[in-house]
Amino acid sequence: QVQLVESGGGLVQAGGSLRLSCVASGITFANTAMGWYRQAPGKQRELVAAIFAGLNTHYVDSVKGRFTISRDNARNTVFLQMNTLKPEDTAVYYCNVYTADDNDPWGQGTRVTVSS
């Protein structure tokens, strides 16, 4: 069963940057497409970025040009570099496999708060 541990969140002013990390276990990480998701207060969880085994990436329009997803297969870790943060990026951020849904196990997430 997949286990996920996210870290790197915090409080930052608008325009600032954060780098999130997620260590995954229980999966064949190098062969698995991974995603970063977020859930803002009162909203459903959404996929914001994905990285595939071949290193292709996908981003939701609202973060294109500001967020960069990457992975280190040797450390079973996926990263999310977030630049030019906006208050609307405030959310709890989670990583998981790209096809995860509410029935899959999730980590505790890492909270990102962007002040205006």
C-alpha atoms as a PDB file:
ATOM      1  CA  GLN A   1       0.000   0.000   0.000  1.00  0.00           C
ATOM      2  CA  VAL A   2       1.305   3.417  -0.910  1.00  0.00           C
ATOM      3  CA  GLN A   3       2.521   5.669   1.898  1.00  0.00           C
ATOM      4  CA  LEU A   4       3.158   9.351   1.334  1.00  0.00           C
ATOM      5  CA  VAL A   5       4.858  11.968   3.476  1.00  0.00           C
ATOM      6  CA  GLU A   6       4.632  15.580   2.351  1.00  0.00           C
ATOM      7  CA  SER A   7       6.675  18.453   3.724  1.00  0.00           C
ATOM      8  CA  GLY A   8       7.799  21.981   2.923  1.00  0.00           C
ATOM      9  CA  GLY A   9       4.646  24.008   3.406  1.00  0.00           C
ATOM     10  CA  GLY A  10       4.424  27.187   5.417  1.00  0.00           C
ATOM     11  CA  LEU A  11       3.354  30.804   5.525  1.00  0.00           C
ATOM     12  CA  VAL A  12       4.670  33.043   2.771  1.00  0.00           C
ATOM     13  CA  GLN A  13       3.836  36.470   1.404  1.00  0.00           C
ATOM     14  CA  ALA A  14       2.356  36.871  -2.037  1.00  0.00           C
ATOM     15  CA  GLY A  15       5.100  36.728  -4.632  1.00  0.00           C
ATOM     16  CA  GLY A  16       7.190  34.375  -2.539  1.00  0.00           C
ATOM     17  CA  SER A  17       8.310  30.819  -3.156  1.00  0.00           C
ATOM     18  CA  LEU A  18       8.115  27.436  -1.484  1.00  0.00           C
ATOM     19  CA  ARG A  19       9.421  24.001  -2.397  1.00  0.00           C
ATOM     20  CA  LEU A  20       7.328  21.017  -1.413  1.00  0.00           C
ATOM     21  CA  SER A  21       8.690  17.483  -1.105  1.00  0.00           C
ATOM     22  CA  CYS A  22       6.944  14.145  -0.947  1.00  0.00           C
ATOM     23  CA  VAL A  23       8.511  10.800  -0.177  1.00  0.00           C
ATOM     24  CA  ALA A  24       6.555   7.806  -1.416  1.00  0.00           C
ATOM     25  CA  SER A  25       6.843   4.151  -0.447  1.00  0.00           C
ATOM     26  CA  GLY A  26       4.929   0.998  -1.227  1.00  0.00           C
ATOM     27  CA  ILE A  27       4.987   1.565  -4.984  1.00  0.00           C
ATOM     28  CA  THR A  28       7.410   1.046  -7.851  1.00  0.00           C
ATOM     29  CA  PHE A  29       8.128   4.732  -7.831  1.00  0.00           C
ATOM     30  CA  ALA A  30      10.213   5.074 -10.990  1.00  0.00           C
ATOM     31  CA  ASN A  31       7.428   3.539 -13.105  1.00  0.00           C
ATOM     32  CA  THR A  32       4.605   5.512 -11.519  1.00  0.00           C
ATOM     33  CA  ALA A  33       3.127   8.808 -12.645  1.00  0.00           C
ATOM     34  CA  MET A  34       2.869  11.114  -9.642  1.00  0.00           C
ATOM     35  CA  GLY A  35       0.812  14.194  -8.978  1.00  0.00           C
ATOM     36  CA  TRP A  36       0.538  17.117  -6.618  1.00  0.00           C
ATOM     37  CA  TYR A  37      -2.973  17.966  -5.518  1.00  0.00           C
ATOM     38  CA  ARG A  38      -4.389  20.709  -3.345  1.00  0.00           C
ATOM     39  CA  GLN A  39      -7.529  21.315  -1.369  1.00  0.00           C
ATOM     40  CA  ALA A  40      -8.466  24.858  -0.526  1.00  0.00           C
ATOM     41  CA  PRO A  41     -10.944  25.629   2.276  1.00  0.00           C
ATOM     42  CA  GLY A  42     -14.449  24.786   1.180  1.00  0.00           C
ATOM     43  CA  LYS A  43     -13.334  23.348  -2.148  1.00  0.00           C
ATOM     44  CA  GLN A  44     -12.739  19.916  -3.590  1.00  0.00           C
ATOM     45  CA  ARG A  45      -9.259  18.532  -3.966  1.00  0.00           C
ATOM     46  CA  GLU A  46      -7.789  19.253  -7.402  1.00  0.00           C
ATOM     47  CA  LEU A  47      -4.792  18.022  -9.337  1.00  0.00           C
ATOM     48  CA  VAL A  48      -2.372  20.891  -9.960  1.00  0.00           C
ATOM     49  CA  ALA A  49       0.635  19.140 -11.498  1.00  0.00           C
ATOM     50  CA  ALA A  50       1.680  15.703 -12.664  1.00  0.00           C
ATOM     51  CA  ILE A  51       4.906  14.092 -13.763  1.00  0.00           C
ATOM     52  CA  PHE A  52       5.018  10.887 -15.706  1.00  0.00           C
ATOM     53  CA  ALA A  53       7.596   8.091 -15.763  1.00  0.00           C
ATOM     54  CA  GLY A  54       9.043   9.535 -18.952  1.00  0.00           C
ATOM     55  CA  LEU A  55       9.347  12.943 -17.211  1.00  0.00           C
ATOM     56  CA  ASN A  56       6.589  14.591 -19.224  1.00  0.00           C
ATOM     57  CA  THR A  57       4.672  17.044 -17.091  1.00  0.00           C
ATOM     58  CA  HIS A  58       1.186  18.473 -16.903  1.00  0.00           C
ATOM     59  CA  TYR A  59      -0.064  21.568 -15.093  1.00  0.00           C
ATOM     60  CA  VAL A  60      -3.449  23.067 -14.420  1.00  0.00           C
ATOM     61  CA  ASP A  61      -3.761  26.438 -16.157  1.00  0.00           C
ATOM     62  CA  SER A  62      -3.798  28.410 -12.919  1.00  0.00           C
ATOM     63  CA  VAL A  63      -0.224  27.358 -12.017  1.00  0.00           C
ATOM     64  CA  LYS A  64       1.413  27.183 -15.444  1.00  0.00           C
ATOM     65  CA  GLY A  65       4.601  29.200 -15.558  1.00  0.00           C
ATOM     66  CA  ARG A  66       4.758  29.449 -11.750  1.00  0.00           C
ATOM     67  CA  PHE A  67       4.969  25.856 -10.483  1.00  0.00           C
ATOM     68  CA  THR A  68       7.442  23.176 -11.519  1.00  0.00           C
ATOM     69  CA  ILE A  69       7.074  19.509 -10.682  1.00  0.00           C
ATOM     70  CA  SER A  70      10.113  17.230 -10.648  1.00  0.00           C
ATOM     71  CA  ARG A  71      11.126  13.854  -9.306  1.00  0.00           C
ATOM     72  CA  ASP A  72      14.146  12.019  -7.927  1.00  0.00           C
ATOM     73  CA  ASN A  73      13.610   8.333  -8.539  1.00  0.00           C
ATOM     74  CA  ALA A  74      16.676   7.378  -6.492  1.00  0.00           C
ATOM     75  CA  ARG A  75      15.025   8.912  -3.420  1.00  0.00           C
ATOM     76  CA  ASN A  76      11.383   8.051  -4.257  1.00  0.00           C
ATOM     77  CA  THR A  77      10.682  11.760  -3.976  1.00  0.00           C
ATOM     78  CA  VAL A  78       8.570  14.181  -5.955  1.00  0.00           C
ATOM     79  CA  PHE A  79       8.971  17.942  -5.635  1.00  0.00           C
ATOM     80  CA  LEU A  80       6.832  20.969  -6.362  1.00  0.00           C
ATOM     81  CA  GLN A  81       8.665  24.261  -6.749  1.00  0.00           C
ATOM     82  CA  MET A  82       6.130  27.055  -6.338  1.00  0.00           C
ATOM     83  CA  ASN A  83       7.107  30.569  -7.372  1.00  0.00           C
ATOM     84  CA  THR A  84       5.191  33.840  -7.547  1.00  0.00           C
ATOM     85  CA  LEU A  85       2.693  32.505  -5.051  1.00  0.00           C
ATOM     86  CA  LYS A  86      -0.750  34.079  -4.865  1.00  0.00           C
ATOM     87  CA  PRO A  87      -3.300  34.124  -2.038  1.00  0.00           C
ATOM     88  CA  GLU A  88      -5.480  31.797  -4.111  1.00  0.00           C
ATOM     89  CA  ASP A  89      -2.744  29.158  -3.877  1.00  0.00           C
ATOM     90  CA  THR A  90      -3.551  28.807  -0.182  1.00  0.00           C
ATOM     91  CA  ALA A  91      -4.466  25.164   0.414  1.00  0.00           C
ATOM     92  CA  VAL A  92      -3.335  21.875   1.862  1.00  0.00           C
ATOM     93  CA  TYR A  93      -1.084  20.232  -0.702  1.00  0.00           C
ATOM     94  CA  TYR A  94      -0.920  16.474  -1.149  1.00  0.00           C
ATOM     95  CA  CYS A  95       1.024  14.186  -3.413  1.00  0.00           C
ATOM     96  CA  ASN A  96      -0.203  10.876  -4.703  1.00  0.00           C
ATOM     97  CA  VAL A  97      -0.168   8.681  -7.757  1.00  0.00           C
ATOM     98  CA  TYR A  98      -1.592  10.424 -10.813  1.00  0.00           C
ATOM     99  CA  THR A  99      -4.747   8.288 -10.843  1.00  0.00           C
ATOM    100  CA  ALA A 100      -5.546   8.654  -7.130  1.00  0.00           C
ATOM    101  CA  ASP A 101      -9.086   9.272  -5.985  1.00  0.00           C
ATOM    102  CA  ASP A 102     -10.826   9.617  -2.647  1.00  0.00           C
ATOM    103  CA  ASN A 103     -10.774   5.849  -2.155  1.00  0.00           C
ATOM    104  CA  ASP A 104      -6.985   5.726  -2.196  1.00  0.00           C
ATOM    105  CA  PRO A 105      -4.793   6.316   0.858  1.00  0.00           C
ATOM    106  CA  TRP A 106      -3.542   9.883   1.251  1.00  0.00           C
ATOM    107  CA  GLY A 107      -0.832  11.443   3.373  1.00  0.00           C
ATOM    108  CA  GLN A 108      -1.346  14.183   5.896  1.00  0.00           C
ATOM    109  CA  GLY A 109      -0.578  16.890   3.375  1.00  0.00           C
ATOM    110  CA  THR A 110       1.382  20.070   3.914  1.00  0.00           C
ATOM    111  CA  ARG A 111      -0.333  23.413   4.464  1.00  0.00           C
ATOM    112  CA  VAL A 112       0.540  26.402   2.311  1.00  0.00           C
ATOM    113  CA  THR A 113      -0.724  29.813   3.339  1.00  0.00           C
ATOM    114  CA  VAL A 114      -0.092  32.822   1.118  1.00  0.00           C
ATOM    115  CA  SER A 115      -0.767  36.205   2.668  1.00  0.00           C
ATOM    116  CA  SER A 116      -1.647  39.234   0.586  1.00  0.00           C
END
